[in-house]
């Protein structure tokens, strides 16, 4: 394959990935996206204050989105366009990363997996920090591989340290990624380079400490929980750890994801069985440590520690490292088998990617609000949780949305997820249901029910 042909193919793949990330870009916000949009729309001082109260996340995304909406507007298309732009850059950097690991053919195949992956497509559009985190994770991995190639070049240590710092300002869990990278570098670098790497990595992560202390210092000082915002996150099970890797490839209607994971696992076992005998290369060692080691550490901390922080969307870097590993496994097996593996995985992703589109992942708040405005104008809607109240209140035009504890006298209707009605639905008449989800039966997290509430 010539260099020109490779560049054209890579550009075509990136354009396909970009097109997938713009599908239904004007669909209504969900509650998390609405949170980001509202923070970015505030004056600078208010944005900083709200960002300090958003304990689970450092402020980099809010700062960048604040600047973005000053140039454009606060709407679904404009706010999500920032995430799509980050995702486009992410695909370009990912190709550069993959080309350092494998020949053009497998690199393009792995790039296609990232471009079409429901996991990366969904978070590539969502108006939250995750598209930015994916971009910074790819840049950080690329800087790490360049450092492994030439550890004596001090400029590469500096670049890697800078990417570590910027990534830490995008997500706190990046500290684990940087720690894994430091451990890998200590194992493979010459002795004279180790001190510089440790100092650079530690100082990079330490840059976010002043912000973290300002945001959560009082809670830590008084022994209170600094992260009550994530109490909804339950302790993960081993099945959820496996589902993280399956979720990168998504669900195909009528087929269990394990049928894809099994052949991929077989490729991995064959690769490591051969690589261990001849010595695992530093890049493969690094990708394994990040793609497998970091999720395992977070899983252990969440399953056996005092508080769960397990959320698949925080693992943009490990997910990228895992897909790169799949490409590496395919590149190191017989050519025909590698092509079959990558083409089969791509076919699976093509069938699964519609499940990442907004109509299958987000409640239809705009449609619900329009229905209520037409059928029940000026009738108050009761909501049992902010998950319903905030986005419905944002889109409704002809009536108010109130929490159930503030229930007014007179007739009212209740909108809730089934089973989350605080008991009000027991004496109420169901009026209508809305559901979304392409590959799973509707459940409490993928359906809404409207009730006529008895006085």
Protein backbone atom coordinates (compact mmCIF):
# COMPACT_ATOMS: atom_id res chain seq x y z
CA UNK A 1 0.00 0.00 0.00
CA UNK A 2 1.45 3.38 -1.00
CA UNK A 3 1.60 6.28 1.39
CA UNK A 4 -0.92 8.24 -0.68
CA UNK A 5 -3.38 5.35 -0.74
CA UNK A 6 -3.01 4.92 3.01
CA UNK A 7 -3.68 8.60 3.66
CA UNK A 8 -6.78 8.57 1.45
CA UNK A 9 -8.08 5.43 3.19
CA UNK A 10 -7.41 6.91 6.64
CA UNK A 11 -9.18 10.14 5.67
CA UNK A 12 -12.18 8.19 4.37
CA UNK A 13 -12.42 6.21 7.60
CA UNK A 14 -12.17 9.38 9.68
CA UNK A 15 -14.91 11.01 7.59
CA UNK A 16 -17.19 8.01 8.10
CA UNK A 17 -16.53 8.17 11.84
CA UNK A 18 -17.22 11.90 11.82
CA UNK A 19 -20.50 11.39 9.93
CA UNK A 20 -21.65 8.80 12.47
CA UNK A 21 -20.95 11.27 15.28
CA UNK A 22 -23.22 13.87 13.69
CA UNK A 23 -26.27 11.61 13.37
CA UNK A 24 -29.21 13.36 15.15
CA UNK A 25 -26.85 15.98 16.52
CA UNK A 26 -29.89 18.22 17.08
CA UNK A 27 -31.62 15.64 19.31
CA UNK A 28 -32.64 16.92 22.74
CA UNK A 29 -30.15 17.09 25.61
CA UNK A 30 -30.15 14.49 28.36
CA UNK A 31 -29.72 15.64 31.96
CA UNK A 32 -25.92 15.34 31.93
CA UNK A 33 -25.57 17.33 28.71
CA UNK A 34 -27.97 19.95 30.03
CA UNK A 35 -25.75 20.27 33.12
CA UNK A 36 -22.70 21.01 30.95
CA UNK A 37 -24.60 23.43 28.71
CA UNK A 38 -25.91 25.39 31.68
CA UNK A 39 -22.49 25.68 33.29
CA UNK A 40 -20.92 26.88 30.03
CA UNK A 41 -23.66 29.48 29.53
CA UNK A 42 -22.95 31.23 32.83
CA UNK A 43 -20.64 34.21 33.30
CA UNK A 44 -17.04 33.25 33.97
CA UNK A 45 -17.30 33.56 37.76
CA UNK A 46 -20.46 31.47 37.87
CA UNK A 47 -18.88 28.86 35.62
CA UNK A 48 -15.89 28.56 37.97
CA UNK A 49 -18.14 28.29 41.04
CA UNK A 50 -20.28 25.58 39.41
CA UNK A 51 -17.18 23.74 38.25
CA UNK A 52 -15.83 23.72 41.81
CA UNK A 53 -19.12 22.15 42.92
CA UNK A 54 -18.85 19.49 40.21
CA UNK A 55 -16.56 17.36 42.37
CA UNK A 56 -16.25 14.27 40.12
CA UNK A 57 -14.69 16.28 37.26
CA UNK A 58 -11.78 18.70 36.88
CA UNK A 59 -12.63 21.94 35.04
CA UNK A 60 -10.88 21.66 31.67
CA UNK A 61 -13.97 20.69 29.67
CA UNK A 62 -16.05 23.44 31.27
CA UNK A 63 -13.37 26.02 30.55
CA UNK A 64 -13.11 25.04 26.90
CA UNK A 65 -16.87 24.74 26.42
CA UNK A 66 -17.32 28.16 28.08
CA UNK A 67 -15.10 29.68 25.38
CA UNK A 68 -16.81 27.66 22.65
CA UNK A 69 -20.34 28.86 23.45
CA UNK A 70 -19.12 32.47 23.53
CA UNK A 71 -18.25 32.08 19.86
CA UNK A 72 -21.41 30.13 19.00
CA UNK A 73 -24.62 29.58 20.99
CA UNK A 74 -25.98 27.33 23.72
CA UNK A 75 -27.96 24.82 21.70
CA UNK A 76 -27.84 21.13 20.97
CA UNK A 77 -25.95 21.43 17.68
CA UNK A 78 -23.47 24.06 18.82
CA UNK A 79 -22.64 22.49 22.18
CA UNK A 80 -22.28 19.00 20.73
CA UNK A 81 -20.17 20.32 17.87
CA UNK A 82 -17.34 20.88 20.32
CA UNK A 83 -17.42 17.20 21.26
CA UNK A 84 -17.59 16.17 17.60
CA UNK A 85 -14.60 18.37 16.80
CA UNK A 86 -12.63 16.73 19.63
CA UNK A 87 -13.66 13.32 18.32
CA UNK A 88 -12.50 14.17 14.80
CA UNK A 89 -9.09 15.13 16.18
CA UNK A 90 -9.17 11.96 18.28
CA UNK A 91 -9.53 9.82 15.14
CA UNK A 92 -6.57 11.56 13.47
CA UNK A 93 -4.33 11.11 16.52
CA UNK A 94 -5.49 7.50 16.84
CA UNK A 95 -4.30 6.77 13.32
CA UNK A 96 -0.87 8.21 14.15
CA UNK A 97 -0.83 6.07 17.28
CA UNK A 98 -1.79 2.88 15.45
CA UNK A 99 0.81 3.42 12.74
CA UNK A 100 3.55 3.37 15.38
CA UNK A 101 2.33 -0.07 16.40
CA UNK A 102 1.55 -1.95 13.19
CA UNK A 103 1.69 -1.94 9.37
CA UNK A 104 -0.77 0.14 7.31
CA UNK A 105 -3.38 -2.58 6.74
CA UNK A 106 -3.98 -3.59 10.38
CA UNK A 107 -3.68 0.06 11.45
CA UNK A 108 -6.47 1.07 9.08
CA UNK A 109 -8.54 -1.87 10.29
CA UNK A 110 -8.12 -0.88 13.93
CA UNK A 111 -8.86 2.76 13.03
CA UNK A 112 -12.11 1.60 11.42
CA UNK A 113 -13.03 -0.20 14.65
CA UNK A 114 -12.55 3.02 16.62
CA UNK A 115 -14.43 5.07 14.01
CA UNK A 116 -17.49 2.79 14.04
CA UNK A 117 -17.44 1.62 17.68
CA UNK A 118 -20.80 2.45 19.37
CA UNK A 119 -18.84 3.32 22.52
CA UNK A 120 -16.70 5.94 20.80
CA UNK A 121 -19.53 7.16 18.54
CA UNK A 122 -21.85 7.80 21.48
CA UNK A 123 -19.29 9.64 23.60
CA UNK A 124 -17.92 11.34 20.49
CA UNK A 125 -21.13 13.35 20.26
CA UNK A 126 -22.29 13.68 23.86
CA UNK A 127 -21.89 17.20 25.26
CA UNK A 128 -19.79 16.01 28.19
CA UNK A 129 -16.02 15.74 28.84
CA UNK A 130 -15.58 12.26 27.40
CA UNK A 131 -14.78 13.17 23.79
CA UNK A 132 -12.11 15.55 25.07
CA UNK A 133 -10.79 12.83 27.37
CA UNK A 134 -10.59 10.42 24.42
CA UNK A 135 -8.55 12.95 22.43
CA UNK A 136 -6.19 13.67 25.31
CA UNK A 137 -5.85 9.95 26.07
CA UNK A 138 -4.86 9.26 22.47
CA UNK A 139 -2.32 12.10 22.56
CA UNK A 140 -0.96 10.79 25.85
CA UNK A 141 -0.61 7.25 24.48
CA UNK A 142 1.10 8.56 21.35
CA UNK A 143 3.53 10.58 23.48
CA UNK A 144 4.21 7.48 25.60
CA UNK A 145 5.02 5.35 22.54
CA UNK A 146 7.31 8.06 21.15
CA UNK A 147 9.09 8.17 24.52
CA UNK A 148 9.50 4.38 24.49
CA UNK A 149 11.05 4.64 21.03
CA UNK A 150 13.63 7.25 22.08
CA UNK A 151 13.86 7.55 25.88
CA UNK A 152 17.11 9.54 25.73
CA UNK A 153 15.42 12.43 23.91
CA UNK A 154 14.50 14.79 26.74
CA UNK A 155 11.99 16.65 24.61
CA UNK A 156 9.86 13.51 24.44
CA UNK A 157 9.81 13.28 28.22
CA UNK A 158 8.58 16.87 28.35
CA UNK A 159 5.86 16.25 25.76
CA UNK A 160 4.70 13.12 27.58
CA UNK A 161 4.64 15.02 30.90
CA UNK A 162 2.57 17.82 29.35
CA UNK A 163 0.01 15.34 27.99
CA UNK A 164 -0.18 13.75 31.45
CA UNK A 165 -0.89 17.14 33.02
CA UNK A 166 -3.56 18.14 30.51
CA UNK A 167 -5.22 14.73 30.83
CA UNK A 168 -5.27 15.10 34.63
CA UNK A 169 -7.12 18.41 34.21
CA UNK A 170 -9.75 16.55 32.16
CA UNK A 171 -10.33 13.60 34.53
CA UNK A 172 -9.03 12.72 38.00
CA UNK A 173 -8.84 9.03 37.19
CA UNK A 174 -6.01 9.92 34.80
CA UNK A 175 -3.77 9.67 37.87
CA UNK A 176 -4.11 5.89 37.63
CA UNK A 177 -3.24 5.95 33.93
CA UNK A 178 -0.15 8.07 34.60
CA UNK A 179 0.83 5.79 37.49
CA UNK A 180 0.56 2.77 35.18
CA UNK A 181 2.67 4.53 32.57
CA UNK A 182 5.32 5.46 35.13
CA UNK A 183 5.46 1.85 36.32
CA UNK A 184 5.87 0.61 32.74
CA UNK A 185 8.56 3.19 31.97
CA UNK A 186 10.46 2.27 35.13
CA UNK A 187 10.51 -1.35 33.98
CA UNK A 188 11.72 -0.74 30.43
CA UNK A 189 13.77 2.48 30.45
CA UNK A 190 17.49 2.74 31.17
CA UNK A 191 18.37 3.66 34.76
CA UNK A 192 19.52 7.20 33.94
CA UNK A 193 16.07 8.08 32.48
CA UNK A 194 13.95 6.76 35.32
CA UNK A 195 14.27 9.69 37.72
CA UNK A 196 13.28 12.21 35.05
CA UNK A 197 10.22 10.15 34.10
CA UNK A 198 9.04 9.81 37.71
CA UNK A 199 9.54 13.52 38.42
CA UNK A 200 7.83 14.53 35.18
CA UNK A 201 4.83 12.26 35.69
CA UNK A 202 4.31 13.10 39.35
CA UNK A 203 4.62 16.85 38.79
CA UNK A 204 2.22 16.61 35.87
CA UNK A 205 -0.52 15.03 37.96
CA UNK A 206 0.27 17.37 40.88
CA UNK A 207 -0.71 20.40 38.77
CA UNK A 208 -4.39 19.60 39.36
CA UNK A 209 -4.00 19.29 43.16
CA UNK A 210 -4.67 23.01 43.89
CA UNK A 211 -8.00 22.76 42.09
CA UNK A 212 -8.87 19.46 43.77
CA UNK A 213 -8.06 20.87 47.22
CA UNK A 214 -10.11 24.00 46.57
CA UNK A 215 -13.07 21.92 45.38
CA UNK A 216 -13.01 19.13 47.96
CA UNK A 217 -10.59 20.22 50.70
CA UNK A 218 -13.26 21.14 53.24
CA UNK A 219 -14.95 17.76 52.85
CA UNK A 220 -11.65 15.95 53.26
CA UNK A 221 -10.71 18.10 56.26
CA UNK A 222 -14.02 17.42 58.03
CA UNK A 223 -14.16 13.75 57.08
CA UNK A 224 -17.33 14.05 55.00
CA UNK A 225 -17.93 12.38 51.66
CA UNK A 226 -16.58 14.66 48.89
CA UNK A 227 -18.41 12.69 46.19
CA UNK A 228 -22.06 12.30 47.20
CA UNK A 229 -22.89 13.06 43.54
CA UNK A 230 -21.94 9.50 42.55
CA UNK A 231 -23.76 7.57 45.25
CA UNK A 232 -25.92 6.12 42.47
CA UNK A 233 -22.92 4.13 41.19
CA UNK A 234 -23.19 0.60 42.52
CA UNK A 235 -20.36 -1.78 43.27
CA UNK A 236 -19.46 -3.53 40.00
CA UNK A 237 -19.68 -7.26 39.43
CA UNK A 238 -17.20 -9.31 37.38
CA UNK A 239 -19.81 -9.39 34.62
CA UNK A 240 -19.71 -5.59 34.47
CA UNK A 241 -15.93 -5.69 34.06
CA UNK A 242 -16.38 -8.00 31.08
CA UNK A 243 -19.24 -5.84 29.79
CA UNK A 244 -16.89 -2.84 29.63
CA UNK A 245 -14.93 -4.60 26.89
CA UNK A 246 -18.08 -5.92 25.21
CA UNK A 247 -19.58 -2.42 25.35
CA UNK A 248 -16.79 -1.05 23.17
CA UNK A 249 -18.23 -3.20 20.37
CA UNK A 250 -21.89 -2.77 21.30
CA UNK A 251 -24.91 -5.03 21.01
CA UNK A 252 -26.21 -6.62 17.83
CA UNK A 253 -29.93 -7.44 18.01
CA UNK A 254 -30.45 -11.10 18.79
CA UNK A 255 -26.76 -11.91 19.36
CA UNK A 256 -24.88 -11.91 22.66
CA UNK A 257 -21.68 -9.86 22.79
CA UNK A 258 -19.75 -12.79 24.22
CA UNK A 259 -19.79 -14.39 20.76
CA UNK A 260 -17.53 -11.58 19.59
CA UNK A 261 -15.38 -11.44 22.72
CA UNK A 262 -14.56 -15.16 22.55
CA UNK A 263 -12.69 -15.07 19.21
CA UNK A 264 -10.99 -11.81 20.19
CA UNK A 265 -9.87 -13.41 23.45
CA UNK A 266 -8.52 -16.37 21.47
CA UNK A 267 -6.48 -13.96 19.33
CA UNK A 268 -5.12 -12.35 22.50
CA UNK A 269 -4.17 -15.67 24.10
CA UNK A 270 -2.35 -16.74 20.93
CA UNK A 271 -0.50 -13.42 20.76
CA UNK A 272 0.64 -13.41 24.40
CA UNK A 273 1.62 -17.09 24.29
CA UNK A 274 3.99 -16.28 21.43
CA UNK A 275 5.10 -12.87 22.74
CA UNK A 276 6.02 -14.15 26.19
CA UNK A 277 8.41 -16.69 24.68
CA UNK A 278 10.21 -14.08 22.60
CA UNK A 279 9.65 -11.13 24.95
CA UNK A 280 6.73 -8.74 25.07
CA UNK A 281 7.54 -5.47 23.31
CA UNK A 282 7.40 -2.27 25.42
CA UNK A 283 4.48 -0.82 23.39
CA UNK A 284 2.45 -4.01 23.83
CA UNK A 285 3.35 -4.03 27.51
CA UNK A 286 2.18 -0.42 27.83
CA UNK A 287 -1.11 -1.01 26.00
CA UNK A 288 -1.82 -4.08 28.13
CA UNK A 289 -1.10 -2.19 31.33
CA UNK A 290 -3.45 0.64 30.38
CA UNK A 291 -6.13 -1.31 28.54
CA UNK A 292 -6.38 -4.12 31.08
CA UNK A 293 -4.54 -2.97 34.21
CA UNK A 294 -6.29 0.37 34.79
CA UNK A 295 -9.87 -1.04 34.56
CA UNK A 296 -8.84 -3.92 36.85
CA UNK A 297 -7.51 -1.49 39.49
CA UNK A 298 -10.66 0.67 39.34
CA UNK A 299 -12.79 -2.47 39.49
CA UNK A 300 -10.98 -3.69 42.61
CA UNK A 301 -11.22 -0.28 44.30
CA UNK A 302 -14.92 -0.04 43.47
CA UNK A 303 -15.86 -3.63 44.32
CA UNK A 304 -13.92 -3.86 47.58
CA UNK A 305 -13.31 -0.25 48.60
CA UNK A 306 -15.53 2.15 50.57
CA UNK A 307 -17.04 3.82 47.49
CA UNK A 308 -17.62 2.74 43.92
CA UNK A 309 -16.21 4.93 41.14
CA UNK A 310 -16.86 2.39 38.40
CA UNK A 311 -18.21 4.10 35.27
CA UNK A 312 -17.32 2.79 31.82
CA UNK A 313 -17.35 6.28 30.29
CA UNK A 314 -14.31 7.19 32.41
CA UNK A 315 -12.23 4.58 30.55
CA UNK A 316 -11.80 6.29 27.21
CA UNK A 317 -8.02 5.73 27.31
CA UNK A 318 -8.21 2.05 28.32
CA UNK A 319 -10.89 1.46 25.66
CA UNK A 320 -8.60 2.93 23.00
CA UNK A 321 -5.67 0.87 24.31
CA UNK A 322 -7.80 -2.29 24.11
CA UNK A 323 -8.82 -1.66 20.49
CA UNK A 324 -5.16 -0.98 19.67
CA UNK A 325 -4.34 -4.32 21.27
CA UNK A 326 -6.93 -6.03 19.07
CA UNK A 327 -5.23 -4.51 16.03
CA UNK A 328 -1.84 -5.63 17.33
CA UNK A 329 -3.10 -9.16 17.90
CA UNK A 330 -4.50 -9.28 14.38
CA UNK A 331 -1.28 -7.87 12.89
CA UNK A 332 0.80 -10.62 14.51
CA UNK A 333 -1.20 -13.63 13.41
CA UNK A 334 -1.33 -15.13 9.87
CA UNK A 335 -2.41 -12.44 7.43
CA UNK A 336 -5.62 -14.17 6.36
CA UNK A 337 -6.65 -14.74 9.97
CA UNK A 338 -5.92 -11.15 10.95
CA UNK A 339 -8.00 -9.87 8.05
CA UNK A 340 -10.89 -12.18 8.95
CA UNK A 341 -10.74 -11.01 12.57
CA UNK A 342 -10.74 -7.29 11.73
CA UNK A 343 -13.39 -7.61 9.01
CA UNK A 344 -15.59 -9.69 11.33
CA UNK A 345 -15.24 -7.18 14.16
CA UNK A 346 -16.00 -4.32 11.77
CA UNK A 347 -19.10 -6.10 10.48
CA UNK A 348 -20.27 -6.54 14.07
CA UNK A 349 -19.70 -2.85 14.83
CA UNK A 350 -21.53 -1.78 11.69
CA UNK A 351 -24.57 -3.75 12.82
CA UNK A 352 -24.27 -2.45 16.38
CA UNK A 353 -23.53 1.25 15.80
CA UNK A 354 -27.18 2.39 15.44
CA UNK A 355 -27.61 1.57 19.14
CA UNK A 356 -25.33 4.56 19.85
CA UNK A 357 -27.60 7.06 18.07
CA UNK A 358 -29.51 9.51 20.32
CA UNK A 359 -32.97 8.10 19.57
CA UNK A 360 -31.88 4.82 21.18
CA UNK A 361 -29.82 6.25 24.07
CA UNK A 362 -31.61 9.38 25.33
CA UNK A 363 -35.16 9.97 26.57
CA UNK A 364 -37.21 11.89 23.97
CA UNK A 365 -37.65 14.91 26.21
CA UNK A 366 -38.58 17.32 23.43
CA UNK A 367 -41.30 14.97 22.12
CA UNK A 368 -42.59 14.33 25.64
CA UNK A 369 -42.71 18.06 26.39
CA UNK A 370 -44.53 18.81 23.14
CA UNK A 371 -47.09 16.09 23.88
CA UNK A 372 -47.70 17.45 27.37
CA UNK A 373 -47.98 21.01 26.09
CA UNK A 374 -50.66 19.95 23.59
CA UNK A 375 -52.61 17.42 25.64
CA UNK A 376 -52.20 18.92 29.12
CA UNK A 377 -51.49 22.63 28.72
CA UNK A 378 -50.86 24.44 31.98
CA UNK A 379 -51.32 21.18 33.93
CA UNK A 380 -48.42 20.76 36.41
CA UNK A 381 -46.26 17.70 35.86
CA UNK A 382 -44.88 15.93 38.94
CA UNK A 383 -41.39 14.48 38.77
CA UNK A 384 -39.94 12.15 41.39
CA UNK A 385 -36.30 12.76 40.41
CA UNK A 386 -34.10 15.46 38.91
CA UNK A 387 -33.36 13.09 36.03
CA UNK A 388 -36.91 13.84 34.83
CA UNK A 389 -37.54 17.31 36.24
CA UNK A 390 -34.51 19.13 34.79
CA UNK A 391 -34.69 18.19 31.09
CA UNK A 392 -38.49 18.17 30.97
CA UNK A 393 -38.60 21.62 32.58
CA UNK A 394 -36.05 22.83 30.04
CA UNK A 395 -38.14 21.75 27.04
CA UNK A 396 -41.67 22.31 28.31
CA UNK A 397 -43.30 25.60 27.25
CA UNK A 398 -46.93 25.52 28.41
CA UNK A 399 -46.78 24.34 32.01
CA UNK A 400 -44.56 23.86 35.01
CA UNK A 401 -42.65 20.82 36.19
CA UNK A 402 -42.43 20.37 39.96
CA UNK A 403 -40.92 17.80 42.29
CA UNK A 404 -43.37 15.50 44.02
CA UNK A 405 -42.55 16.99 47.43
CA UNK A 406 -43.78 20.36 46.12
CA UNK A 407 -47.00 18.90 44.74
CA UNK A 408 -49.65 21.62 44.26
CA UNK A 409 -53.29 21.19 45.11
CA UNK A 410 -55.60 20.31 42.27
CA UNK A 411 -55.25 17.92 39.33
CA UNK A 412 -51.77 16.91 38.25
CA UNK A 413 -50.00 14.32 36.16
CA UNK A 414 -46.94 12.28 37.07
CA UNK A 415 -44.05 11.42 34.76
CA UNK A 416 -41.46 8.95 36.00
CA UNK A 417 -39.45 5.89 35.26
CA UNK A 418 -41.52 2.84 36.27
CA UNK A 419 -40.63 1.85 39.79
CA UNK A 420 -39.29 5.31 40.68
CA UNK A 421 -42.55 7.06 41.46
CA UNK A 422 -42.18 7.38 45.26
CA UNK A 423 -45.44 5.48 45.65
CA UNK A 424 -47.64 7.97 43.80
CA UNK A 425 -48.41 5.62 40.92
CA UNK A 426 -50.21 3.09 43.13
CA UNK A 427 -53.45 5.05 43.03
CA UNK A 428 -52.92 6.59 39.61
CA UNK A 429 -54.08 5.78 36.10
CA UNK A 430 -51.43 5.08 33.43
CA UNK A 431 -51.88 7.32 30.41
CA UNK A 432 -48.96 6.73 28.07
CA UNK A 433 -45.50 5.15 27.85
CA UNK A 434 -42.33 6.21 26.04
CA UNK A 435 -39.43 3.81 25.63
CA UNK A 436 -36.09 3.76 23.88
CA UNK A 437 -33.32 1.17 23.56
CA UNK A 438 -32.59 -0.78 20.44
CA UNK A 439 -31.33 -4.13 21.64
CA UNK A 440 -32.69 -4.68 25.13
CA UNK A 441 -36.22 -4.89 26.52
CA UNK A 442 -37.41 -1.58 28.03
CA UNK A 443 -36.53 -1.23 31.69
CA UNK A 444 -36.58 1.41 34.40
CA UNK A 445 -33.70 3.26 32.78
CA UNK A 446 -35.11 3.13 29.24
CA UNK A 447 -38.78 4.00 29.63
CA UNK A 448 -41.07 6.72 30.93
CA UNK A 449 -44.67 6.44 32.06
CA UNK A 450 -47.28 9.15 32.38
CA UNK A 451 -49.96 8.87 35.07
CA UNK A 452 -53.12 10.72 35.98
CA UNK A 453 -52.59 11.36 39.71
CA UNK A 454 -55.55 10.95 42.02
CA UNK A 455 -56.24 13.95 44.22
